[in-house]
N, C-alpha and C. Protein backbone atom coordinates (compact mmCIF):
# COMPACT_ATOMS: atom_id res chain seq x y z
N MET A 1 96.04 92.45 86.60
CA MET A 1 97.03 93.42 87.01
C MET A 1 96.62 94.02 88.35
N LEU A 2 97.53 94.07 89.29
CA LEU A 2 97.25 94.61 90.60
C LEU A 2 97.24 96.14 90.55
N GLN A 3 96.30 96.72 91.25
CA GLN A 3 96.24 98.17 91.33
C GLN A 3 97.27 98.64 92.35
N GLU A 4 97.92 99.76 92.05
CA GLU A 4 98.90 100.32 92.97
C GLU A 4 98.20 100.71 94.27
N ARG A 5 98.83 100.40 95.36
CA ARG A 5 98.28 100.77 96.66
C ARG A 5 99.17 101.85 97.26
N TYR A 6 98.54 102.79 97.91
CA TYR A 6 99.27 103.93 98.45
C TYR A 6 99.64 103.71 99.91
N LYS A 7 100.85 104.11 100.24
CA LYS A 7 101.40 103.96 101.57
C LYS A 7 100.59 104.74 102.62
N THR A 8 99.96 105.83 102.21
CA THR A 8 99.19 106.64 103.14
C THR A 8 98.04 105.85 103.76
N SER A 9 97.67 104.74 103.15
CA SER A 9 96.59 103.92 103.72
C SER A 9 96.93 103.50 105.14
N GLU A 10 98.19 103.25 105.40
CA GLU A 10 98.63 102.85 106.74
C GLU A 10 98.34 103.95 107.76
N LEU A 11 98.50 105.19 107.35
CA LEU A 11 98.23 106.33 108.23
C LEU A 11 96.76 106.36 108.61
N PHE A 12 95.87 106.27 107.62
CA PHE A 12 94.45 106.34 107.88
C PHE A 12 93.97 105.18 108.76
N LYS A 13 94.47 104.00 108.47
CA LYS A 13 94.07 102.84 109.28
C LYS A 13 94.59 102.94 110.71
N ARG A 14 95.84 103.35 110.85
CA ARG A 14 96.43 103.45 112.19
C ARG A 14 95.69 104.47 113.05
N ILE A 15 95.39 105.62 112.49
CA ILE A 15 94.68 106.64 113.26
C ILE A 15 93.31 106.13 113.69
N ARG A 16 92.61 105.47 112.77
CA ARG A 16 91.28 104.94 113.10
C ARG A 16 91.36 103.91 114.23
N ILE A 17 92.28 102.97 114.10
CA ILE A 17 92.40 101.90 115.09
C ILE A 17 92.91 102.45 116.43
N ASP A 18 93.92 103.33 116.39
CA ASP A 18 94.46 103.90 117.63
C ASP A 18 93.40 104.68 118.41
N ASN A 19 92.42 105.22 117.70
CA ASN A 19 91.37 105.99 118.35
C ASN A 19 90.09 105.18 118.56
N ASN A 20 90.18 103.87 118.30
CA ASN A 20 89.08 102.95 118.51
C ASN A 20 87.79 103.42 117.84
N LEU A 21 87.92 103.81 116.56
CA LEU A 21 86.78 104.31 115.80
C LEU A 21 86.42 103.36 114.67
N SER A 22 85.15 103.31 114.35
CA SER A 22 84.72 102.57 113.16
C SER A 22 85.00 103.45 111.95
N GLN A 23 84.92 102.86 110.77
CA GLN A 23 85.08 103.66 109.56
C GLN A 23 83.99 104.73 109.49
N GLN A 24 82.79 104.38 109.90
CA GLN A 24 81.68 105.34 109.87
C GLN A 24 81.96 106.51 110.81
N ALA A 25 82.42 106.22 112.02
CA ALA A 25 82.67 107.27 113.01
C ALA A 25 83.79 108.21 112.57
N ILE A 26 84.87 107.67 112.05
CA ILE A 26 85.97 108.54 111.62
C ILE A 26 85.57 109.33 110.37
N SER A 27 84.76 108.73 109.52
CA SER A 27 84.27 109.44 108.33
C SER A 27 83.43 110.64 108.73
N GLU A 28 82.59 110.46 109.72
CA GLU A 28 81.77 111.57 110.22
C GLU A 28 82.64 112.66 110.82
N LYS A 29 83.66 112.26 111.57
CA LYS A 29 84.57 113.24 112.18
C LYS A 29 85.31 114.04 111.11
N LEU A 30 85.67 113.38 110.00
CA LEU A 30 86.40 114.05 108.91
C LEU A 30 85.46 114.69 107.89
N ASP A 31 84.16 114.47 108.05
CA ASP A 31 83.13 114.99 107.15
C ASP A 31 83.34 114.50 105.71
N ILE A 32 83.53 113.18 105.60
CA ILE A 32 83.67 112.55 104.28
C ILE A 32 82.78 111.31 104.24
N HIS A 33 82.56 110.80 103.07
CA HIS A 33 81.74 109.59 102.88
C HIS A 33 82.53 108.38 103.37
N GLN A 34 81.84 107.46 104.01
CA GLN A 34 82.49 106.25 104.53
C GLN A 34 83.14 105.45 103.42
N GLY A 35 82.53 105.40 102.25
CA GLY A 35 83.11 104.67 101.12
C GLY A 35 84.45 105.23 100.69
N TYR A 36 84.57 106.56 100.72
CA TYR A 36 85.85 107.19 100.37
C TYR A 36 86.91 106.87 101.42
N PHE A 37 86.50 106.91 102.70
CA PHE A 37 87.46 106.55 103.75
C PHE A 37 87.94 105.12 103.56
N SER A 38 87.04 104.23 103.22
CA SER A 38 87.40 102.83 103.00
C SER A 38 88.45 102.71 101.89
N LEU A 39 88.26 103.46 100.81
CA LEU A 39 89.25 103.45 99.72
C LEU A 39 90.60 103.97 100.20
N LEU A 40 90.59 105.03 100.99
CA LEU A 40 91.84 105.58 101.53
C LEU A 40 92.55 104.56 102.42
N GLU A 41 91.78 103.92 103.28
CA GLU A 41 92.35 102.96 104.24
C GLU A 41 92.90 101.72 103.54
N ARG A 42 92.28 101.33 102.45
CA ARG A 42 92.75 100.14 101.71
C ARG A 42 93.82 100.48 100.68
N GLY A 43 94.15 101.76 100.57
CA GLY A 43 95.20 102.16 99.64
C GLY A 43 94.75 102.21 98.20
N LEU A 44 93.46 102.29 97.97
CA LEU A 44 92.94 102.31 96.61
C LEU A 44 92.67 103.73 96.11
N ALA A 45 92.81 104.70 97.00
CA ALA A 45 92.69 106.12 96.63
C ALA A 45 93.84 106.87 97.30
N LYS A 46 94.35 107.85 96.60
CA LYS A 46 95.43 108.67 97.16
C LYS A 46 94.82 109.95 97.70
N PRO A 47 95.05 110.24 98.99
CA PRO A 47 94.44 111.44 99.57
C PRO A 47 95.10 112.72 99.06
N SER A 48 94.32 113.75 98.97
CA SER A 48 94.86 115.07 98.63
C SER A 48 95.58 115.62 99.86
N LEU A 49 96.35 116.67 99.66
CA LEU A 49 96.99 117.32 100.78
C LEU A 49 95.93 117.85 101.74
N GLY A 50 94.83 118.34 101.19
CA GLY A 50 93.73 118.82 102.03
C GLY A 50 93.17 117.74 102.93
N MET A 51 93.07 116.53 102.40
CA MET A 51 92.55 115.41 103.20
C MET A 51 93.53 115.06 104.31
N VAL A 52 94.83 115.08 104.02
CA VAL A 52 95.84 114.80 105.04
C VAL A 52 95.80 115.89 106.11
N LEU A 53 95.62 117.15 105.69
CA LEU A 53 95.51 118.25 106.65
C LEU A 53 94.27 118.09 107.53
N ARG A 54 93.18 117.65 106.94
CA ARG A 54 91.95 117.43 107.70
C ARG A 54 92.18 116.37 108.77
N LEU A 55 92.87 115.29 108.42
CA LEU A 55 93.19 114.23 109.38
C LEU A 55 94.13 114.77 110.46
N LYS A 56 95.15 115.51 110.04
CA LYS A 56 96.12 116.09 110.97
C LYS A 56 95.42 116.97 112.01
N ASN A 57 94.56 117.85 111.52
CA ASN A 57 93.89 118.79 112.42
C ASN A 57 92.85 118.10 113.31
N ALA A 58 92.11 117.16 112.77
CA ALA A 58 91.07 116.47 113.54
C ALA A 58 91.65 115.68 114.71
N PHE A 59 92.87 115.16 114.52
CA PHE A 59 93.47 114.31 115.56
C PHE A 59 94.73 114.94 116.17
N GLU A 60 94.95 116.22 115.86
CA GLU A 60 96.08 116.97 116.43
C GLU A 60 97.41 116.23 116.27
N LEU A 61 97.66 115.80 115.04
CA LEU A 61 98.88 115.06 114.73
C LEU A 61 100.04 116.00 114.41
N LYS A 62 101.23 115.55 114.66
CA LYS A 62 102.43 116.32 114.31
C LYS A 62 102.89 115.91 112.91
N TRP A 63 103.47 116.88 112.19
CA TRP A 63 103.97 116.58 110.83
C TRP A 63 105.01 115.47 110.85
N GLU A 64 105.82 115.43 111.88
CA GLU A 64 106.86 114.41 111.96
C GLU A 64 106.26 113.00 111.95
N PHE A 65 105.10 112.85 112.56
CA PHE A 65 104.41 111.56 112.56
C PHE A 65 103.89 111.24 111.17
N ILE A 66 103.29 112.23 110.52
CA ILE A 66 102.68 112.04 109.20
C ILE A 66 103.72 111.76 108.12
N GLU A 67 104.88 112.39 108.21
CA GLU A 67 105.92 112.25 107.18
C GLU A 67 106.25 110.82 106.82
N GLY A 68 106.25 109.94 107.80
CA GLY A 68 106.60 108.55 107.55
C GLY A 68 105.59 107.79 106.71
N PHE A 69 104.43 108.38 106.51
CA PHE A 69 103.37 107.71 105.76
C PHE A 69 103.12 108.31 104.38
N ILE A 70 103.86 109.37 104.04
CA ILE A 70 103.61 110.08 102.80
C ILE A 70 104.27 109.35 101.63
N ASP A 71 103.51 109.17 100.55
CA ASP A 71 104.02 108.53 99.33
C ASP A 71 104.91 109.51 98.59
N GLU A 72 106.05 109.05 98.17
CA GLU A 72 106.97 109.89 97.39
C GLU A 72 106.80 109.59 95.94
N GLN A 73 106.43 110.61 95.16
CA GLN A 73 106.25 110.42 93.72
C GLN A 73 106.58 111.69 93.01
C-alpha cells in the first residue's frame, strides 16, 4: 500500500532548490533536523502550521505563494 504524500512537499523542495541550498543547509536555517526536512520534502510528513510559518518567515514568502501548496483536508 502506498503511503499518502502531501502536496506541501513541493513547497519545501521548491524553496530549497530556488535558494540553491542543500537539505542540511536549509535544515540549519529552519533549526530542524535534516531527516525531518527530508520527510517533508518527500511528502512523507505533513508540516505543522508552525513549520510553514517558520519557512515563510525564514525566506520572506508571501501567503499568496504558499496557498497553492497547502493540502486541503
